[in-house]
Amino acid sequence: MSDNQNIKAAAIMMLSMALFTTGDAIIKFLSDDLPIGQILFLRGSLVCLLFVILLKRQQQQILPKEGWNRWNLLRALFELMIAASYLVGLILLPLATAVILVFSGPIMLTILAATVLKEQVGWRRWSAVLLGFVGVILVADLEQASLTSWAVLLPLLAAFLTALRDIFVRNIPSVLSSTQIAFTTAWIVTIGGLLTLPFGWNSVTSEHAGLLALGSVFIMAAYLSYVVTTRIGELSFIAPFKYTSIPLAMLIGYLIWGDVPSTSSYLGTAIIIGSGMFIFARGKNKQQA
């Protein structure tokens, strides 16, 4: 694979992460007026519509029979739980804190690989896992704990569920395209949001509708750009560029909500990034060995 392709893929990865982070910020902003279930339903409805248009343009079946495969549906249900836990944490925590804690995913995946898949994990990766958890504690900043300090568990739960989801992907029929798999996730998450209707929804203003539409476009564009970057670039090269969403989240959090991360949060962020990259690199080396 050429250097030019990798550089292009890295640029697209940064764009994808920026779109995801901006979409998260829009949801956090809307959560002051709308319950999270209503946001999931309204945004999900628009995303589903965009997926249907995309599938039509790609001349793919919208609901193929393989789409009802139990592993595909199970993956989508995990995505619903991931969205619920992460977004509630996003509402209760500073934007950057929620984003950073979700990046503990490689740590969670290593633990699951050893315990569930029975993969051999050496002492170096276990050391990186332990160090990563030190970073999590520093980001959580327990010395500055507030009444909502328990909320740090929510993005960590999302990271754990994401690792489980990645394991299930291995069992999904290969005849399903990535777009069809993502569409399954979209409509199940949308239905999950609809189920919160009995708990009370609020009226939607034109400003809300505009932000929801913008957030839907951002999420869809983020997904598509992410697929592109993983197809044209080497994973070992582009993986570190995922972390570019962290400084952007810090900047948005400061500009909109006045969030200023503590010194321990900065240190914890560096540790989580370092341990995550090390775990990824060690896993890549083992695959090549």
Protein backbone atom coordinates (compact mmCIF):
# COMPACT_ATOMS: atom_id res chain seq x y z
CA MET A 1 0.00 0.00 0.00
CA SER A 2 1.48 3.39 -1.02
CA ASP A 3 2.43 6.19 1.35
CA ASN A 4 0.04 8.50 -0.50
CA GLN A 5 -2.88 6.17 0.22
CA ASN A 6 -1.96 6.00 3.89
CA ILE A 7 -1.68 9.79 4.14
CA LYS A 8 -5.05 10.16 2.43
CA ALA A 9 -6.56 7.55 4.75
CA ALA A 10 -5.14 9.34 7.80
CA ALA A 11 -6.69 12.63 6.66
CA ILE A 12 -10.06 10.95 6.14
CA MET A 13 -9.78 9.28 9.56
CA MET A 14 -9.27 12.67 11.20
CA LEU A 15 -12.30 13.99 9.31
CA SER A 16 -14.35 10.99 10.47
CA MET A 17 -13.36 11.51 14.11
CA ALA A 18 -14.15 15.22 13.86
CA LEU A 19 -17.61 14.42 12.51
CA PHE A 20 -18.29 11.88 15.26
CA THR A 21 -17.16 14.29 17.97
CA THR A 22 -19.15 17.19 16.58
CA GLY A 23 -22.21 14.95 16.34
CA ASP A 24 -21.75 14.00 20.00
CA ALA A 25 -21.49 17.67 20.94
CA ILE A 26 -24.78 18.38 19.16
CA ILE A 27 -26.51 15.63 21.14
CA LYS A 28 -25.08 16.96 24.41
CA PHE A 29 -26.34 20.44 23.51
CA LEU A 30 -29.82 19.15 22.61
CA SER A 31 -30.06 17.11 25.83
CA ASP A 32 -30.82 20.31 27.76
CA ASP A 33 -34.24 20.39 26.06
CA LEU A 34 -34.93 16.86 24.80
CA PRO A 35 -34.70 13.45 26.54
CA ILE A 36 -32.06 11.13 25.15
CA GLY A 37 -34.60 8.55 23.92
CA GLN A 38 -36.37 11.19 21.85
CA ILE A 39 -33.05 12.35 20.40
CA LEU A 40 -32.14 8.77 19.49
CA PHE A 41 -35.47 8.26 17.74
CA LEU A 42 -35.51 11.54 15.81
CA ARG A 43 -31.86 11.39 14.78
CA GLY A 44 -32.18 7.67 14.03
CA SER A 45 -35.18 8.23 11.77
CA LEU A 46 -33.19 10.66 9.66
CA VAL A 47 -30.15 8.36 9.61
CA CYS A 48 -32.35 5.43 8.50
CA LEU A 49 -33.73 7.54 5.67
CA LEU A 50 -30.20 8.42 4.57
CA PHE A 51 -29.23 4.73 4.70
CA VAL A 52 -32.22 3.73 2.56
CA ILE A 53 -31.21 6.31 -0.05
CA LEU A 54 -27.62 5.07 0.05
CA LEU A 55 -28.62 1.41 -0.26
CA LYS A 56 -30.86 2.26 -3.22
CA ARG A 57 -28.01 4.10 -4.93
CA GLN A 58 -25.71 1.13 -4.30
CA GLN A 59 -28.43 -1.20 -5.65
CA GLN A 60 -28.38 -3.27 -2.46
CA GLN A 61 -31.31 -4.88 -0.69
CA ILE A 62 -32.60 -2.76 2.18
CA LEU A 63 -33.69 -5.69 4.36
CA PRO A 64 -32.08 -8.87 3.00
CA LYS A 65 -33.00 -12.15 4.68
CA GLU A 66 -29.41 -12.47 5.90
CA GLY A 67 -29.97 -9.23 7.81
CA TRP A 68 -32.12 -11.16 10.26
CA ASN A 69 -29.17 -13.34 11.20
CA ARG A 70 -29.02 -13.56 15.01
CA TRP A 71 -25.42 -12.32 15.15
CA ASN A 72 -26.25 -9.26 13.09
CA LEU A 73 -29.26 -8.51 15.30
CA LEU A 74 -27.25 -9.15 18.46
CA ARG A 75 -24.57 -6.75 17.25
CA ALA A 76 -27.26 -4.11 16.67
CA LEU A 77 -28.71 -4.65 20.16
CA PHE A 78 -25.25 -4.12 21.59
CA GLU A 79 -25.01 -0.91 19.57
CA LEU A 80 -28.27 0.22 21.21
CA MET A 81 -26.83 -0.43 24.67
CA ILE A 82 -23.60 1.30 23.66
CA ALA A 83 -25.48 4.36 22.43
CA ALA A 84 -27.64 4.54 25.56
CA SER A 85 -24.77 4.18 28.04
CA TYR A 86 -22.40 6.47 26.17
CA LEU A 87 -24.92 9.23 25.49
CA VAL A 88 -26.22 9.31 29.06
CA GLY A 89 -22.60 9.56 30.20
CA LEU A 90 -22.05 12.26 27.60
CA ILE A 91 -24.87 14.30 29.10
CA LEU A 92 -23.63 13.96 32.69
CA LEU A 93 -19.90 14.35 32.04
CA PRO A 94 -17.73 16.90 30.26
CA LEU A 95 -17.58 16.09 26.54
CA ALA A 96 -13.83 15.40 26.56
CA THR A 97 -14.05 13.07 29.58
CA ALA A 98 -16.72 10.89 27.91
CA VAL A 99 -14.75 10.76 24.64
CA ILE A 100 -11.47 9.89 26.38
CA LEU A 101 -12.97 7.11 28.51
CA VAL A 102 -14.53 5.47 25.44
CA PHE A 103 -11.00 5.13 24.05
CA SER A 104 -10.32 2.52 26.72
CA GLY A 105 -11.86 0.10 24.20
CA PRO A 106 -8.53 -1.59 23.26
CA ILE A 107 -7.97 -2.28 26.95
CA MET A 108 -11.40 -3.92 27.27
CA LEU A 109 -10.90 -5.89 24.03
CA THR A 110 -7.60 -7.31 25.30
CA ILE A 111 -9.28 -8.55 28.47
CA LEU A 112 -12.10 -10.16 26.47
CA ALA A 113 -9.64 -11.68 24.00
CA ALA A 114 -7.88 -13.43 26.88
CA THR A 115 -10.96 -14.47 28.85
CA VAL A 116 -13.57 -15.15 26.15
CA LEU A 117 -11.57 -16.04 23.04
CA LYS A 118 -8.76 -17.68 25.07
CA GLU A 119 -6.10 -15.82 23.08
CA GLN A 120 -2.57 -15.75 24.42
CA VAL A 121 -1.87 -12.33 25.95
CA GLY A 122 1.72 -11.72 27.04
CA TRP A 123 2.93 -9.80 30.06
CA ARG A 124 3.63 -6.69 27.99
CA ARG A 125 0.01 -6.32 26.89
CA TRP A 126 -1.25 -7.12 30.41
CA SER A 127 1.07 -4.38 31.69
CA ALA A 128 -0.41 -1.99 29.14
CA VAL A 129 -3.92 -2.97 30.31
CA LEU A 130 -3.06 -2.21 33.96
CA LEU A 131 -1.40 1.04 32.97
CA GLY A 132 -4.45 1.94 30.90
CA PHE A 133 -6.68 1.54 33.95
CA VAL A 134 -4.40 3.90 35.85
CA GLY A 135 -5.06 6.38 33.05
CA VAL A 136 -8.81 5.81 33.42
CA ILE A 137 -8.62 6.61 37.14
CA LEU A 138 -6.67 9.79 36.42
CA VAL A 139 -9.16 10.93 33.77
CA ALA A 140 -12.05 10.22 36.15
CA ASP A 141 -10.27 12.59 38.58
CA LEU A 142 -11.73 10.97 41.69
CA GLU A 143 -10.25 13.65 43.94
CA GLN A 144 -12.60 16.13 42.29
CA ALA A 145 -15.53 13.72 42.44
CA SER A 146 -19.01 15.21 42.37
CA LEU A 147 -22.52 13.83 42.75
CA THR A 148 -22.35 12.62 39.16
CA SER A 149 -18.93 10.95 39.49
CA TRP A 150 -20.59 7.55 39.05
CA ALA A 151 -21.30 8.62 35.47
CA VAL A 152 -17.69 7.81 34.50
CA LEU A 153 -18.80 4.17 34.55
CA LEU A 154 -21.15 4.78 31.61
CA PRO A 155 -18.57 5.50 28.87
CA LEU A 156 -16.46 2.69 30.34
CA LEU A 157 -19.48 0.39 29.99
CA ALA A 158 -19.85 1.62 26.40
CA ALA A 159 -16.19 0.76 25.75
CA PHE A 160 -16.69 -2.73 27.21
CA LEU A 161 -19.82 -3.33 25.15
CA THR A 162 -18.00 -2.07 22.05
CA ALA A 163 -15.32 -4.71 22.60
CA LEU A 164 -18.03 -7.39 22.88
CA ARG A 165 -19.65 -6.06 19.71
CA ASP A 166 -16.37 -6.36 17.83
CA ILE A 167 -16.19 -10.02 18.79
CA PHE A 168 -19.70 -10.66 17.45
CA VAL A 169 -18.81 -9.08 14.10
CA ARG A 170 -16.73 -12.16 13.31
CA ASN A 171 -19.87 -14.29 13.15
CA ILE A 172 -21.94 -12.04 10.86
CA PRO A 173 -22.46 -13.54 7.37
CA SER A 174 -19.95 -12.13 4.89
CA VAL A 175 -22.68 -11.68 2.28
CA LEU A 176 -23.94 -8.68 4.24
CA SER A 177 -22.28 -5.42 3.24
CA SER A 178 -21.02 -2.97 5.85
CA THR A 179 -23.83 -0.60 4.82
CA GLN A 180 -26.49 -3.27 5.41
CA ILE A 181 -24.99 -4.10 8.80
CA ALA A 182 -24.95 -0.43 9.76
CA PHE A 183 -28.55 0.01 8.60
CA THR A 184 -29.62 -2.85 10.89
CA THR A 185 -27.98 -0.98 13.75
CA ALA A 186 -29.67 2.27 12.73
CA TRP A 187 -33.23 0.97 12.75
CA ILE A 188 -32.82 -1.02 15.96
CA VAL A 189 -31.38 2.01 17.78
CA THR A 190 -34.26 4.09 16.39
CA ILE A 191 -36.83 1.61 17.71
CA GLY A 192 -35.02 1.64 21.06
CA GLY A 193 -35.46 5.40 21.20
CA LEU A 194 -39.15 5.09 20.31
CA LEU A 195 -39.73 2.76 23.27
CA THR A 196 -38.99 5.69 25.61
CA LEU A 197 -42.08 7.58 24.39
CA PRO A 198 -44.23 6.58 27.43
CA PHE A 199 -41.68 8.26 29.72
CA GLY A 200 -42.46 11.64 28.16
CA TRP A 201 -41.11 13.56 25.20
CA ASN A 202 -40.87 17.31 24.72
CA SER A 203 -42.01 19.54 21.87
CA VAL A 204 -39.47 20.02 19.09
CA THR A 205 -38.67 23.51 17.85
CA SER A 206 -37.31 24.45 14.46
CA GLU A 207 -33.90 24.94 16.09
CA HIS A 208 -34.03 21.42 17.51
CA ALA A 209 -35.05 20.02 14.11
CA GLY A 210 -32.21 21.82 12.38
CA LEU A 211 -29.62 20.55 14.86
CA LEU A 212 -31.01 17.02 14.67
CA ALA A 213 -30.80 17.10 10.88
CA LEU A 214 -27.25 18.44 11.03
CA GLY A 215 -26.25 15.79 13.59
CA SER A 216 -27.76 13.06 11.41
CA VAL A 217 -25.75 14.20 8.39
CA PHE A 218 -22.59 14.35 10.51
CA ILE A 219 -23.08 10.82 11.87
CA MET A 220 -23.82 9.42 8.42
CA ALA A 221 -20.81 11.20 6.91
CA ALA A 222 -18.66 10.01 9.82
CA TYR A 223 -19.68 6.40 9.20
CA LEU A 224 -19.04 6.57 5.45
CA SER A 225 -15.67 8.28 5.84
CA TYR A 226 -14.66 5.72 8.47
CA VAL A 227 -15.46 2.87 6.09
CA VAL A 228 -13.43 4.56 3.35
CA THR A 229 -10.37 5.07 5.53
CA THR A 230 -10.29 1.43 6.71
CA ARG A 231 -10.46 0.24 3.11
CA ILE A 232 -7.72 2.39 1.61
CA GLY A 233 -5.23 2.65 4.48
CA GLU A 234 -3.21 0.29 6.66
CA LEU A 235 -4.85 -0.10 10.07
CA SER A 236 -1.48 0.04 11.84
CA PHE A 237 -0.83 3.44 10.23
CA ILE A 238 -4.25 5.07 10.61
CA ALA A 239 -5.22 3.78 14.09
CA PRO A 240 -3.37 6.52 16.03
CA PHE A 241 -5.27 9.20 14.11
CA LYS A 242 -8.47 8.16 15.88
CA TYR A 243 -7.18 9.97 18.94
CA THR A 244 -7.36 13.33 17.17
CA SER A 245 -10.95 13.50 18.39
CA ILE A 246 -9.70 14.04 21.96
CA PRO A 247 -8.19 17.54 21.52
CA LEU A 248 -11.21 18.52 19.43
CA ALA A 249 -13.54 17.35 22.22
CA MET A 250 -11.50 19.34 24.73
CA LEU A 251 -11.74 22.45 22.54
CA ILE A 252 -15.49 22.13 21.95
CA GLY A 253 -16.07 21.43 25.65
CA TYR A 254 -14.16 24.56 26.61
CA LEU A 255 -15.78 26.84 24.02
CA ILE A 256 -19.40 25.74 24.66
CA TRP A 257 -19.52 24.55 28.28
CA GLY A 258 -16.38 26.09 29.75
CA ASP A 259 -14.92 22.69 30.67
CA VAL A 260 -11.25 22.81 31.64
CA PRO A 261 -9.62 19.37 32.14
CA SER A 262 -7.46 18.94 35.23
CA THR A 263 -3.76 18.13 35.13
CA SER A 264 -4.51 14.53 36.13
CA SER A 265 -6.97 14.27 33.22
CA TYR A 266 -4.28 15.34 30.77
CA LEU A 267 -1.87 12.78 32.24
CA GLY A 268 -4.53 10.06 32.18
CA THR A 269 -5.35 10.88 28.56
CA ALA A 270 -1.71 10.42 27.56
CA ILE A 271 -1.57 7.09 29.39
CA ILE A 272 -4.78 5.77 27.80
CA ILE A 273 -3.59 6.78 24.32
CA GLY A 274 -0.16 5.27 24.88
CA SER A 275 -1.47 1.98 26.27
CA GLY A 276 -4.10 1.71 23.53
CA MET A 277 -1.55 2.24 20.77
CA PHE A 278 0.84 -0.25 22.38
CA ILE A 279 -1.88 -2.91 22.67
CA PHE A 280 -2.83 -2.38 19.03
CA ALA A 281 0.80 -2.55 17.89
CA ARG A 282 1.48 -5.74 19.87
CA GLY A 283 -1.66 -7.37 18.49
CA LYS A 284 -0.63 -6.41 14.95
CA ASN A 285 2.86 -7.85 15.44
CA LYS A 286 1.41 -11.15 16.68
CA GLN A 287 -0.85 -11.40 13.63
CA GLN A 288 2.14 -10.89 11.34
CA ALA A 289 4.34 -13.36 13.22
